[in-house]
Amino acid sequence: MTNFERGEMLLREAAFCLSETGSAFESQEWNMVIRRAQEVVELCLKPIFKVLSVEYPKVHEVSGEFIRICGQKKVGLSTADGDRIATTSKWLAEKRSAAFYYEQLFTQEEAQFARDGAA
């Protein structure tokens, strides 16, 4: 399997998780929205590593490394886009575990932020 094919598979998973994010939002399952949105962001960033022939870190939050690699490989990532990606990815990765184990109950506003960040 090529890096491009693996990247395509990850993006298909991201699309599936994005649809689950929408379903969870409609069902008012705010914690599930957080969880799925985090997966979407992670699964959208990691294929770019693959296409660039760079092994991605085996952690959930990769925005710092993503931005570094984009700069190194001369990928046209604006500062504003990089900041938005980093803010969203870091917030979601931080909240993922709390959402998964119901250590925190999230609000509709937080779920909307997560959903918008994943879209």
PDB file of N, CA and C in Angstrom:
ATOM      1  N   MET A   1       0.841  -1.169   0.000  1.00  0.00           N
ATOM      2  CA  MET A   1       0.000   0.000   0.000  1.00  0.00           C
ATOM      3  C   MET A   1       0.896   1.246   0.000  1.00  0.00           C
ATOM      4  N   THR A   2       0.578   2.174  -0.862  1.00  0.00           N
ATOM      5  CA  THR A   2       1.378   3.396  -0.953  1.00  0.00           C
ATOM      6  C   THR A   2       0.959   4.389   0.132  1.00  0.00           C
ATOM      7  N   ASN A   3       1.813   5.384   0.351  1.00  0.00           N
ATOM      8  CA  ASN A   3       1.476   6.448   1.299  1.00  0.00           C
ATOM      9  C   ASN A   3       0.206   7.172   0.872  1.00  0.00           C
ATOM     10  N   PHE A   4       0.048   7.374  -0.420  1.00  0.00           N
ATOM     11  CA  PHE A   4      -1.150   8.055  -0.925  1.00  0.00           C
ATOM     12  C   PHE A   4      -2.395   7.222  -0.631  1.00  0.00           C
ATOM     13  N   GLU A   5      -2.335   5.922  -0.866  1.00  0.00           N
ATOM     14  CA  GLU A   5      -3.475   5.041  -0.587  1.00  0.00           C
ATOM     15  C   GLU A   5      -3.813   5.025   0.908  1.00  0.00           C
ATOM     16  N   ARG A   6      -2.790   4.982   1.740  1.00  0.00           N
ATOM     17  CA  ARG A   6      -3.024   5.015   3.185  1.00  0.00           C
ATOM     18  C   ARG A   6      -3.648   6.348   3.589  1.00  0.00           C
ATOM     19  N   GLY A   7      -3.177   7.420   2.978  1.00  0.00           N
ATOM     20  CA  GLY A   7      -3.760   8.733   3.240  1.00  0.00           C
ATOM     21  C   GLY A   7      -5.226   8.789   2.845  1.00  0.00           C
ATOM     22  N   GLU A   8      -5.550   8.208   1.708  1.00  0.00           N
ATOM     23  CA  GLU A   8      -6.956   8.162   1.275  1.00  0.00           C
ATOM     24  C   GLU A   8      -7.818   7.391   2.266  1.00  0.00           C
ATOM     25  N   MET A   9      -7.295   6.301   2.787  1.00  0.00           N
ATOM     26  CA  MET A   9      -8.050   5.513   3.770  1.00  0.00           C
ATOM     27  C   MET A   9      -8.321   6.327   5.031  1.00  0.00           C
ATOM     28  N   LEU A  10      -7.317   7.046   5.501  1.00  0.00           N
ATOM     29  CA  LEU A  10      -7.496   7.880   6.689  1.00  0.00           C
ATOM     30  C   LEU A  10      -8.540   8.970   6.443  1.00  0.00           C
ATOM     31  N   LEU A  11      -8.528   9.546   5.245  1.00  0.00           N
ATOM     32  CA  LEU A  11      -9.519  10.587   4.926  1.00  0.00           C
ATOM     33  C   LEU A  11     -10.927  10.016   4.830  1.00  0.00           C
ATOM     34  N   ARG A  12     -11.063   8.799   4.338  1.00  0.00           N
ATOM     35  CA  ARG A  12     -12.388   8.160   4.325  1.00  0.00           C
ATOM     36  C   ARG A  12     -12.903   7.957   5.750  1.00  0.00           C
ATOM     37  N   GLU A  13     -12.005   7.548   6.639  1.00  0.00           N
ATOM     38  CA  GLU A  13     -12.395   7.407   8.040  1.00  0.00           C
ATOM     39  C   GLU A  13     -12.804   8.754   8.625  1.00  0.00           C
ATOM     40  N   ALA A  14     -12.074   9.795   8.270  1.00  0.00           N
ATOM     41  CA  ALA A  14     -12.403  11.134   8.757  1.00  0.00           C
ATOM     42  C   ALA A  14     -13.795  11.544   8.295  1.00  0.00           C
ATOM     43  N   ALA A  15     -14.118  11.255   7.056  1.00  0.00           N
ATOM     44  CA  ALA A  15     -15.448  11.593   6.528  1.00  0.00           C
ATOM     45  C   ALA A  15     -16.531  10.822   7.277  1.00  0.00           C
ATOM     46  N   PHE A  16     -16.273   9.574   7.585  1.00  0.00           N
ATOM     47  CA  PHE A  16     -17.231   8.773   8.332  1.00  0.00           C
ATOM     48  C   PHE A  16     -17.427   9.349   9.733  1.00  0.00           C
ATOM     49  N   CYS A  17     -16.329   9.682  10.397  1.00  0.00           N
ATOM     50  CA  CYS A  17     -16.413  10.272  11.740  1.00  0.00           C
ATOM     51  C   CYS A  17     -17.123  11.624  11.703  1.00  0.00           C
ATOM     52  N   LEU A  18     -16.929  12.376  10.634  1.00  0.00           N
ATOM     53  CA  LEU A  18     -17.608  13.667  10.508  1.00  0.00           C
ATOM     54  C   LEU A  18     -19.122  13.462  10.426  1.00  0.00           C
ATOM     55  N   SER A  19     -19.549  12.432   9.694  1.00  0.00           N
ATOM     56  CA  SER A  19     -20.990  12.162   9.626  1.00  0.00           C
ATOM     57  C   SER A  19     -21.515  11.750  10.998  1.00  0.00           C
ATOM     58  N   GLU A  20     -20.718  10.999  11.750  1.00  0.00           N
ATOM     59  CA  GLU A  20     -21.118  10.626  13.111  1.00  0.00           C
ATOM     60  C   GLU A  20     -21.175  11.846  14.028  1.00  0.00           C
ATOM     61  N   THR A  21     -20.303  12.801  13.785  1.00  0.00           N
ATOM     62  CA  THR A  21     -20.333  14.047  14.562  1.00  0.00           C
ATOM     63  C   THR A  21     -21.667  14.749  14.355  1.00  0.00           C
ATOM     64  N   GLY A  22     -22.114  14.811  13.109  1.00  0.00           N
ATOM     65  CA  GLY A  22     -23.404  15.428  12.813  1.00  0.00           C
ATOM     66  C   GLY A  22     -24.559  14.693  13.456  1.00  0.00           C
ATOM     67  N   SER A  23     -24.528  13.375  13.394  1.00  0.00           N
ATOM     68  CA  SER A  23     -25.585  12.572  14.013  1.00  0.00           C
ATOM     69  C   SER A  23     -25.601  12.763  15.532  1.00  0.00           C
ATOM     70  N   ALA A  24     -24.426  12.771  16.128  1.00  0.00           N
ATOM     71  CA  ALA A  24     -24.343  12.965  17.578  1.00  0.00           C
ATOM     72  C   ALA A  24     -24.852  14.348  17.970  1.00  0.00           C
ATOM     73  N   PHE A  25     -24.553  15.351  17.147  1.00  0.00           N
ATOM     74  CA  PHE A  25     -25.031  16.702  17.445  1.00  0.00           C
ATOM     75  C   PHE A  25     -26.558  16.747  17.381  1.00  0.00           C
ATOM     76  N   GLU A  26     -27.113  16.158  16.355  1.00  0.00           N
ATOM     77  CA  GLU A  26     -28.579  16.128  16.212  1.00  0.00           C
ATOM     78  C   GLU A  26     -29.236  15.389  17.375  1.00  0.00           C
ATOM     79  N   SER A  27     -28.551  14.403  17.935  1.00  0.00           N
ATOM     80  CA  SER A  27     -29.069  13.631  19.067  1.00  0.00           C
ATOM     81  C   SER A  27     -28.740  14.274  20.415  1.00  0.00           C
ATOM     82  N   GLN A  28     -28.077  15.419  20.371  1.00  0.00           N
ATOM     83  CA  GLN A  28     -27.663  16.155  21.572  1.00  0.00           C
ATOM     84  C   GLN A  28     -26.743  15.343  22.467  1.00  0.00           C
ATOM     85  N   GLU A  29     -25.919  14.531  21.839  1.00  0.00           N
ATOM     86  CA  GLU A  29     -24.901  13.746  22.544  1.00  0.00           C
ATOM     87  C   GLU A  29     -23.593  14.541  22.492  1.00  0.00           C
ATOM     88  N   TRP A  30     -23.503  15.559  23.349  1.00  0.00           N
ATOM     89  CA  TRP A  30     -22.414  16.528  23.258  1.00  0.00           C
ATOM     90  C   TRP A  30     -21.046  15.888  23.453  1.00  0.00           C
ATOM     91  N   ASN A  31     -20.926  14.950  24.396  1.00  0.00           N
ATOM     92  CA  ASN A  31     -19.633  14.305  24.602  1.00  0.00           C
ATOM     93  C   ASN A  31     -19.193  13.508  23.377  1.00  0.00           C
ATOM     94  N   MET A  32     -20.128  12.870  22.723  1.00  0.00           N
ATOM     95  CA  MET A  32     -19.795  12.113  21.512  1.00  0.00           C
ATOM     96  C   MET A  32     -19.363  13.057  20.396  1.00  0.00           C
ATOM     97  N   VAL A  33     -19.957  14.221  20.324  1.00  0.00           N
ATOM     98  CA  VAL A  33     -19.539  15.211  19.325  1.00  0.00           C
ATOM     99  C   VAL A  33     -18.069  15.555  19.541  1.00  0.00           C
ATOM    100  N   ILE A  34     -17.685  15.794  20.788  1.00  0.00           N
ATOM    101  CA  ILE A  34     -16.291  16.127  21.101  1.00  0.00           C
ATOM    102  C   ILE A  34     -15.375  14.993  20.658  1.00  0.00           C
ATOM    103  N   ARG A  35     -15.731  13.776  21.013  1.00  0.00           N
ATOM    104  CA  ARG A  35     -14.900  12.616  20.683  1.00  0.00           C
ATOM    105  C   ARG A  35     -14.732  12.449  19.175  1.00  0.00           C
ATOM    106  N   ARG A  36     -15.824  12.488  18.462  1.00  0.00           N
ATOM    107  CA  ARG A  36     -15.755  12.277  17.014  1.00  0.00           C
ATOM    108  C   ARG A  36     -15.071  13.456  16.307  1.00  0.00           C
ATOM    109  N   ALA A  37     -15.312  14.659  16.788  1.00  0.00           N
ATOM    110  CA  ALA A  37     -14.654  15.821  16.173  1.00  0.00           C
ATOM    111  C   ALA A  37     -13.142  15.722  16.324  1.00  0.00           C
ATOM    112  N   GLN A  38     -12.687  15.258  17.483  1.00  0.00           N
ATOM    113  CA  GLN A  38     -11.240  15.087  17.673  1.00  0.00           C
ATOM    114  C   GLN A  38     -10.689  14.077  16.679  1.00  0.00           C
ATOM    115  N   GLU A  39     -11.414  12.999  16.478  1.00  0.00           N
ATOM    116  CA  GLU A  39     -10.969  11.993  15.510  1.00  0.00           C
ATOM    117  C   GLU A  39     -10.911  12.572  14.102  1.00  0.00           C
ATOM    118  N   VAL A  40     -11.891  13.377  13.751  1.00  0.00           N
ATOM    119  CA  VAL A  40     -11.916  13.987  12.421  1.00  0.00           C
ATOM    120  C   VAL A  40     -10.665  14.819  12.207  1.00  0.00           C
ATOM    121  N   VAL A  41     -10.355  15.682  13.159  1.00  0.00           N
ATOM    122  CA  VAL A  41      -9.190  16.562  13.007  1.00  0.00           C
ATOM    123  C   VAL A  41      -7.912  15.729  12.900  1.00  0.00           C
ATOM    124  N   GLU A  42      -7.767  14.766  13.772  1.00  0.00           N
ATOM    125  CA  GLU A  42      -6.574  13.906  13.737  1.00  0.00           C
ATOM    126  C   GLU A  42      -6.470  13.160  12.405  1.00  0.00           C
ATOM    127  N   LEU A  43      -7.594  12.616  11.949  1.00  0.00           N
ATOM    128  CA  LEU A  43      -7.594  11.831  10.706  1.00  0.00           C
ATOM    129  C   LEU A  43      -7.498  12.690   9.448  1.00  0.00           C
ATOM    130  N   CYS A  44      -7.657  13.980   9.585  1.00  0.00           N
ATOM    131  CA  CYS A  44      -7.442  14.880   8.449  1.00  0.00           C
ATOM    132  C   CYS A  44      -5.990  15.368   8.383  1.00  0.00           C
ATOM    133  N   LEU A  45      -5.336  15.469   9.524  1.00  0.00           N
ATOM    134  CA  LEU A  45      -3.944  15.933   9.533  1.00  0.00           C
ATOM    135  C   LEU A  45      -2.965  14.816   9.164  1.00  0.00           C
ATOM    136  N   LYS A  46      -3.189  13.639   9.665  1.00  0.00           N
ATOM    137  CA  LYS A  46      -2.215  12.555   9.471  1.00  0.00           C
ATOM    138  C   LYS A  46      -2.035  12.120   8.016  1.00  0.00           C
ATOM    139  N   PRO A  47      -3.064  12.156   7.169  1.00  0.00           N
ATOM    140  CA  PRO A  47      -2.817  11.791   5.762  1.00  0.00           C
ATOM    141  C   PRO A  47      -1.840  12.722   5.050  1.00  0.00           C
ATOM    142  N   ILE A  48      -1.798  13.959   5.490  1.00  0.00           N
ATOM    143  CA  ILE A  48      -0.867  14.895   4.846  1.00  0.00           C
ATOM    144  C   ILE A  48       0.563  14.477   5.145  1.00  0.00           C
ATOM    145  N   PHE A  49       0.820  14.000   6.366  1.00  0.00           N
ATOM    146  CA  PHE A  49       2.139  13.442   6.672  1.00  0.00           C
ATOM    147  C   PHE A  49       2.456  12.309   5.695  1.00  0.00           C
ATOM    148  N   LYS A  50       1.480  11.416   5.496  1.00  0.00           N
ATOM    149  CA  LYS A  50       1.693  10.260   4.621  1.00  0.00           C
ATOM    150  C   LYS A  50       2.021  10.694   3.198  1.00  0.00           C
ATOM    151  N   VAL A  51       1.241  11.623   2.660  1.00  0.00           N
ATOM    152  CA  VAL A  51       1.459  12.088   1.289  1.00  0.00           C
ATOM    153  C   VAL A  51       2.839  12.748   1.149  1.00  0.00           C
ATOM    154  N   LEU A  52       3.290  13.386   2.226  1.00  0.00           N
ATOM    155  CA  LEU A  52       4.609  14.027   2.208  1.00  0.00           C
ATOM    156  C   LEU A  52       5.730  13.042   2.558  1.00  0.00           C
ATOM    157  N   SER A  53       5.385  11.747   2.716  1.00  0.00           N
ATOM    158  CA  SER A  53       6.346  10.686   3.053  1.00  0.00           C
ATOM    159  C   SER A  53       7.042  10.941   4.390  1.00  0.00           C
ATOM    160  N   VAL A  54       6.259  11.426   5.351  1.00  0.00           N
ATOM    161  CA  VAL A  54       6.756  11.660   6.702  1.00  0.00           C
ATOM    162  C   VAL A  54       5.916  10.809   7.644  1.00  0.00           C
ATOM    163  N   GLU A  55       6.562  10.087   8.534  1.00  0.00           N
ATOM    164  CA  GLU A  55       5.819   9.278   9.503  1.00  0.00           C
ATOM    165  C   GLU A  55       5.207  10.208  10.549  1.00  0.00           C
ATOM    166  N   TYR A  56       3.926  10.054  10.766  1.00  0.00           N
ATOM    167  CA  TYR A  56       3.265  10.920  11.745  1.00  0.00           C
ATOM    168  C   TYR A  56       3.456  10.376  13.154  1.00  0.00           C
ATOM    169  N   PRO A  57       3.414  11.279  14.132  1.00  0.00           N
ATOM    170  CA  PRO A  57       3.530  10.834  15.530  1.00  0.00           C
ATOM    171  C   PRO A  57       2.325   9.978  15.912  1.00  0.00           C
ATOM    172  N   LYS A  58       2.541   8.992  16.728  1.00  0.00           N
ATOM    173  CA  LYS A  58       1.466   8.088  17.165  1.00  0.00           C
ATOM    174  C   LYS A  58       0.814   8.636  18.436  1.00  0.00           C
ATOM    175  N   VAL A  59       0.365   9.860  18.346  1.00  0.00           N
ATOM    176  CA  VAL A  59      -0.355  10.539  19.420  1.00  0.00           C
ATOM    177  C   VAL A  59      -1.576  11.198  18.796  1.00  0.00           C
ATOM    178  N   HIS A  60      -2.483  11.657  19.639  1.00  0.00           N
ATOM    179  CA  HIS A  60      -3.715  12.246  19.123  1.00  0.00           C
ATOM    180  C   HIS A  60      -3.546  13.691  18.665  1.00  0.00           C
ATOM    181  N   GLU A  61      -2.656  14.433  19.277  1.00  0.00           N
ATOM    182  CA  GLU A  61      -2.505  15.845  18.948  1.00  0.00           C
ATOM    183  C   GLU A  61      -1.200  16.032  18.183  1.00  0.00           C
ATOM    184  N   VAL A  62      -1.313  16.343  16.905  1.00  0.00           N
ATOM    185  CA  VAL A  62      -0.132  16.428  16.039  1.00  0.00           C
ATOM    186  C   VAL A  62       0.029  17.793  15.380  1.00  0.00           C
ATOM    187  N   SER A  63      -0.712  18.788  15.827  1.00  0.00           N
ATOM    188  CA  SER A  63      -0.721  20.067  15.111  1.00  0.00           C
ATOM    189  C   SER A  63       0.650  20.741  15.076  1.00  0.00           C
ATOM    190  N   GLY A  64       1.400  20.689  16.172  1.00  0.00           N
ATOM    191  CA  GLY A  64       2.723  21.319  16.180  1.00  0.00           C
ATOM    192  C   GLY A  64       3.651  20.698  15.150  1.00  0.00           C
ATOM    193  N   GLU A  65       3.687  19.382  15.124  1.00  0.00           N
ATOM    194  CA  GLU A  65       4.516  18.671  14.148  1.00  0.00           C
ATOM    195  C   GLU A  65       3.993  18.895  12.727  1.00  0.00           C
ATOM    196  N   PHE A  66       2.672  18.939  12.586  1.00  0.00           N
ATOM    197  CA  PHE A  66       2.054  19.196  11.287  1.00  0.00           C
ATOM    198  C   PHE A  66       2.507  20.555  10.739  1.00  0.00           C
ATOM    199  N   ILE A  67       2.434  21.576  11.559  1.00  0.00           N
ATOM    200  CA  ILE A  67       2.826  22.923  11.128  1.00  0.00           C
ATOM    201  C   ILE A  67       4.318  22.960  10.798  1.00  0.00           C
ATOM    202  N   ARG A  68       5.130  22.302  11.621  1.00  0.00           N
ATOM    203  CA  ARG A  68       6.575  22.259  11.376  1.00  0.00           C
ATOM    204  C   ARG A  68       6.892  21.586  10.039  1.00  0.00           C
ATOM    205  N   ILE A  69       6.262  20.446   9.786  1.00  0.00           N
ATOM    206  CA  ILE A  69       6.509  19.705   8.546  1.00  0.00           C
ATOM    207  C   ILE A  69       6.013  20.500   7.340  1.00  0.00           C
ATOM    208  N   CYS A  70       4.872  21.139   7.468  1.00  0.00           N
ATOM    209  CA  CYS A  70       4.368  21.956   6.352  1.00  0.00           C
ATOM    210  C   CYS A  70       5.367  23.054   5.997  1.00  0.00           C
ATOM    211  N   GLY A  71       5.960  23.677   7.010  1.00  0.00           N
ATOM    212  CA  GLY A  71       6.981  24.694   6.750  1.00  0.00           C
ATOM    213  C   GLY A  71       8.224  24.108   6.113  1.00  0.00           C
ATOM    214  N   GLN A  72       8.664  22.974   6.632  1.00  0.00           N
ATOM    215  CA  GLN A  72       9.857  22.305   6.114  1.00  0.00           C
ATOM    216  C   GLN A  72       9.666  21.862   4.668  1.00  0.00           C
ATOM    217  N   LYS A  73       8.482  21.355   4.337  1.00  0.00           N
ATOM    218  CA  LYS A  73       8.214  20.829   3.000  1.00  0.00           C
ATOM    219  C   LYS A  73       7.643  21.901   2.058  1.00  0.00           C
ATOM    220  N   LYS A  74       7.588  23.130   2.536  1.00  0.00           N
ATOM    221  CA  LYS A  74       7.108  24.261   1.719  1.00  0.00           C
ATOM    222  C   LYS A  74       5.651  24.096   1.277  1.00  0.00           C
ATOM    223  N   VAL A  75       4.837  23.563   2.190  1.00  0.00           N
ATOM    224  CA  VAL A  75       3.399  23.459   1.944  1.00  0.00           C
ATOM    225  C   VAL A  75       2.801  24.824   2.253  1.00  0.00           C
ATOM    226  N   GLY A  76       1.942  25.320   1.388  1.00  0.00           N
ATOM    227  CA  GLY A  76       1.370  26.656   1.553  1.00  0.00           C
ATOM    228  C   GLY A  76       0.325  26.721   2.653  1.00  0.00           C
ATOM    229  N   LEU A  77       0.768  26.755   3.900  1.00  0.00           N
ATOM    230  CA  LEU A  77      -0.134  26.849   5.045  1.00  0.00           C
ATOM    231  C   LEU A  77       0.012  28.240   5.637  1.00  0.00           C
ATOM    232  N   SER A  78      -1.069  29.005   5.601  1.00  0.00           N
ATOM    233  CA  SER A  78      -0.997  30.371   6.137  1.00  0.00           C
ATOM    234  C   SER A  78      -0.883  30.329   7.655  1.00  0.00           C
ATOM    235  N   THR A  79      -0.385  31.403   8.217  1.00  0.00           N
ATOM    236  CA  THR A  79      -0.287  31.512   9.671  1.00  0.00           C
ATOM    237  C   THR A  79      -1.662  31.415  10.308  1.00  0.00           C
ATOM    238  N   ALA A  80      -2.655  32.063   9.702  1.00  0.00           N
ATOM    239  CA  ALA A  80      -4.018  32.030  10.246  1.00  0.00           C
ATOM    240  C   ALA A  80      -4.570  30.603  10.244  1.00  0.00           C
ATOM    241  N   ASP A  81      -4.369  29.876   9.146  1.00  0.00           N
ATOM    242  CA  ASP A  81      -4.844  28.485   9.080  1.00  0.00           C
ATOM    243  C   ASP A  81      -4.094  27.613  10.080  1.00  0.00           C
ATOM    244  N   GLY A  82      -2.797  27.804  10.191  1.00  0.00           N
ATOM    245  CA  GLY A  82      -2.005  27.044  11.155  1.00  0.00           C
ATOM    246  C   GLY A  82      -2.472  27.302  12.586  1.00  0.00           C
ATOM    247  N   ASP A  83      -2.750  28.563  12.894  1.00  0.00           N
ATOM    248  CA  ASP A  83      -3.238  28.909  14.238  1.00  0.00           C
ATOM    249  C   ASP A  83      -4.592  28.274  14.516  1.00  0.00           C
ATOM    250  N   ARG A  84      -5.483  28.302  13.527  1.00  0.00           N
ATOM    251  CA  ARG A  84      -6.816  27.717  13.693  1.00  0.00           C
ATOM    252  C   ARG A  84      -6.716  26.207  13.890  1.00  0.00           C
ATOM    253  N   ILE A  85      -5.886  25.564  13.093  1.00  0.00           N
ATOM    254  CA  ILE A  85      -5.684  24.122  13.220  1.00  0.00           C
ATOM    255  C   ILE A  85      -5.125  23.786  14.596  1.00  0.00           C
ATOM    256  N   ALA A  86      -4.114  24.520  15.021  1.00  0.00           N
ATOM    257  CA  ALA A  86      -3.484  24.247  16.317  1.00  0.00           C
ATOM    258  C   ALA A  86      -4.464  24.459  17.466  1.00  0.00           C
ATOM    259  N   THR A  87      -5.202  25.556  17.432  1.00  0.00           N
ATOM    260  CA  THR A  87      -6.162  25.839  18.505  1.00  0.00           C
ATOM    261  C   THR A  87      -7.202  24.738  18.606  1.00  0.00           C
ATOM    262  N   THR A  88      -7.770  24.367  17.473  1.00  0.00           N
ATOM    263  CA  THR A  88      -8.812  23.339  17.457  1.00  0.00           C
ATOM    264  C   THR A  88      -8.266  21.986  17.870  1.00  0.00           C
ATOM    265  N   SER A  89      -7.151  21.581  17.284  1.00  0.00           N
ATOM    266  CA  SER A  89      -6.579  20.266  17.565  1.00  0.00           C
ATOM    267  C   SER A  89      -6.179  20.133  19.033  1.00  0.00           C
ATOM    268  N   LYS A  90      -5.540  21.164  19.572  1.00  0.00           N
ATOM    269  CA  LYS A  90      -5.108  21.100  20.972  1.00  0.00           C
ATOM    270  C   LYS A  90      -6.302  21.035  21.917  1.00  0.00           C
ATOM    271  N   TRP A  91      -7.317  21.839  21.665  1.00  0.00           N
ATOM    272  CA  TRP A  91      -8.501  21.848  22.523  1.00  0.00           C
ATOM    273  C   TRP A  91      -9.192  20.483  22.490  1.00  0.00           C
ATOM    274  N   LEU A  92      -9.389  19.963  21.278  1.00  0.00           N
ATOM    275  CA  LEU A  92     -10.069  18.670  21.151  1.00  0.00           C
ATOM    276  C   LEU A  92      -9.267  17.535  21.773  1.00  0.00           C
ATOM    277  N   ALA A  93      -7.967  17.531  21.573  1.00  0.00           N
ATOM    278  CA  ALA A  93      -7.143  16.471  22.155  1.00  0.00           C
ATOM    279  C   ALA A  93      -7.168  16.537  23.675  1.00  0.00           C
ATOM    280  N   GLU A  94      -7.192  17.744  24.216  1.00  0.00           N
ATOM    281  CA  GLU A  94      -7.249  17.919  25.663  1.00  0.00           C
ATOM    282  C   GLU A  94      -8.586  17.428  26.225  1.00  0.00           C
ATOM    283  N   LYS A  95      -9.667  17.644  25.488  1.00  0.00           N
ATOM    284  CA  LYS A  95     -11.009  17.307  25.972  1.00  0.00           C
ATOM    285  C   LYS A  95     -11.425  15.875  25.647  1.00  0.00           C
ATOM    286  N   ARG A  96     -10.721  15.231  24.739  1.00  0.00           N
ATOM    287  CA  ARG A  96     -11.101  13.904  24.245  1.00  0.00           C
ATOM    288  C   ARG A  96     -11.293  12.887  25.363  1.00  0.00           C
ATOM    289  N   SER A  97     -10.326  12.755  26.229  1.00  0.00           N
ATOM    290  CA  SER A  97     -10.390  11.755  27.291  1.00  0.00           C
ATOM    291  C   SER A  97     -11.526  12.063  28.263  1.00  0.00           C
ATOM    292  N   ALA A  98     -11.661  13.323  28.644  1.00  0.00           N
ATOM    293  CA  ALA A  98     -12.745  13.713  29.562  1.00  0.00           C
ATOM    294  C   ALA A  98     -14.104  13.419  28.940  1.00  0.00           C
ATOM    295  N   ALA A  99     -14.216  13.622  27.640  1.00  0.00           N
ATOM    296  CA  ALA A  99     -15.480  13.334  26.951  1.00  0.00           C
ATOM    297  C   ALA A  99     -15.717  11.832  26.877  1.00  0.00           C
ATOM    298  N   PHE A 100     -14.678  11.089  26.603  1.00  0.00           N
ATOM    299  CA  PHE A 100     -14.798   9.644  26.447  1.00  0.00           C
ATOM    300  C   PHE A 100     -15.273   8.973  27.734  1.00  0.00           C
ATOM    301  N   TYR A 101     -14.690   9.391  28.843  1.00  0.00           N
ATOM    302  CA  TYR A 101     -14.994   8.755  30.133  1.00  0.00           C
ATOM    303  C   TYR A 101     -16.059   9.507  30.937  1.00  0.00           C
ATOM    304  N   TYR A 102     -16.674  10.500  30.325  1.00  0.00           N
ATOM    305  CA  TYR A 102     -17.707  11.310  30.985  1.00  0.00           C
ATOM    306  C   TYR A 102     -17.197  11.917  32.288  1.00  0.00           C
ATOM    307  N   GLU A 103     -15.915  12.272  32.273  1.00  0.00           N
ATOM    308  CA  GLU A 103     -15.333  12.985  33.406  1.00  0.00           C
ATOM    309  C   GLU A 103     -15.765  14.443  33.391  1.00  0.00           C
ATOM    310  N   GLN A 104     -16.254  14.864  32.254  1.00  0.00           N
ATOM    311  CA  GLN A 104     -16.778  16.212  32.084  1.00  0.00           C
ATOM    312  C   GLN A 104     -17.980  16.107  31.159  1.00  0.00           C
ATOM    313  N   LEU A 105     -19.024  16.847  31.480  1.00  0.00           N
ATOM    314  CA  LEU A 105     -20.170  16.911  30.596  1.00  0.00           C
ATOM    315  C   LEU A 105     -20.070  18.191  29.790  1.00  0.00           C
ATOM    316  N   PHE A 106     -20.105  18.051  28.495  1.00  0.00           N
ATOM    317  CA  PHE A 106     -19.917  19.191  27.611  1.00  0.00           C
ATOM    318  C   PHE A 106     -21.257  19.824  27.256  1.00  0.00           C
ATOM    319  N   THR A 107     -21.186  21.082  26.901  1.00  0.00           N
ATOM    320  CA  THR A 107     -22.384  21.855  26.572  1.00  0.00           C
ATOM    321  C   THR A 107     -22.604  21.863  25.064  1.00  0.00           C
ATOM    322  N   GLN A 108     -23.770  22.328  24.675  1.00  0.00           N
ATOM    323  CA  GLN A 108     -24.070  22.468  23.253  1.00  0.00           C
ATOM    324  C   GLN A 108     -23.094  23.440  22.592  1.00  0.00           C
ATOM    325  N   GLU A 109     -22.743  24.499  23.285  1.00  0.00           N
ATOM    326  CA  GLU A 109     -21.810  25.486  22.725  1.00  0.00           C
ATOM    327  C   GLU A 109     -20.435  24.860  22.491  1.00  0.00           C
ATOM    328  N   GLU A 110     -19.973  24.047  23.432  1.00  0.00           N
ATOM    329  CA  GLU A 110     -18.687  23.375  23.254  1.00  0.00           C
ATOM    330  C   GLU A 110     -18.763  22.361  22.112  1.00  0.00           C
ATOM    331  N   ALA A 111     -19.878  21.666  22.031  1.00  0.00           N
ATOM    332  CA  ALA A 111     -20.066  20.712  20.934  1.00  0.00           C
ATOM    333  C   ALA A 111     -20.102  21.439  19.594  1.00  0.00           C
ATOM    334  N   GLN A 112     -20.720  22.602  19.555  1.00  0.00           N
ATOM    335  CA  GLN A 112     -20.761  23.392  18.311  1.00  0.00           C
ATOM    336  C   GLN A 112     -19.357  23.832  17.911  1.00  0.00           C
ATOM    337  N   PHE A 113     -18.553  24.267  18.884  1.00  0.00           N
ATOM    338  CA  PHE A 113     -17.168  24.645  18.611  1.00  0.00           C
ATOM    339  C   PHE A 113     -16.404  23.457  18.036  1.00  0.00           C
ATOM    340  N   ALA A 114     -16.592  22.285  18.636  1.00  0.00           N
ATOM    341  CA  ALA A 114     -15.923  21.073  18.163  1.00  0.00           C
ATOM    342  C   ALA A 114     -16.374  20.707  16.755  1.00  0.00           C
ATOM    343  N   ARG A 115     -17.670  20.751  16.549  1.00  0.00           N
ATOM    344  CA  ARG A 115     -18.239  20.398  15.233  1.00  0.00           C
ATOM    345  C   ARG A 115     -17.746  21.359  14.157  1.00  0.00           C
ATOM    346  N   ASP A 116     -17.758  22.649  14.465  1.00  0.00           N
ATOM    347  CA  ASP A 116     -17.288  23.638  13.493  1.00  0.00           C
ATOM    348  C   ASP A 116     -15.804  23.453  13.194  1.00  0.00           C
ATOM    349  N   GLY A 117     -15.026  23.130  14.222  1.00  0.00           N
ATOM    350  CA  GLY A 117     -13.596  22.924  14.028  1.00  0.00           C
ATOM    351  C   GLY A 117     -13.290  21.698  13.190  1.00  0.00           C
ATOM    352  N   ALA A 118     -14.145  20.713  13.271  1.00  0.00           N
ATOM    353  CA  ALA A 118     -13.928  19.476  12.522  1.00  0.00           C
ATOM    354  C   ALA A 118     -14.393  19.601  11.065  1.00  0.00           C
ATOM    355  N   ALA A 119     -15.272  20.534  10.809  1.00  0.00           N
ATOM    356  CA  ALA A 119     -15.867  20.636   9.464  1.00  0.00           C
ATOM    357  C   ALA A 119     -14.960  21.244   8.428  1.00  0.00           C
TER     358      ALA A 119
END
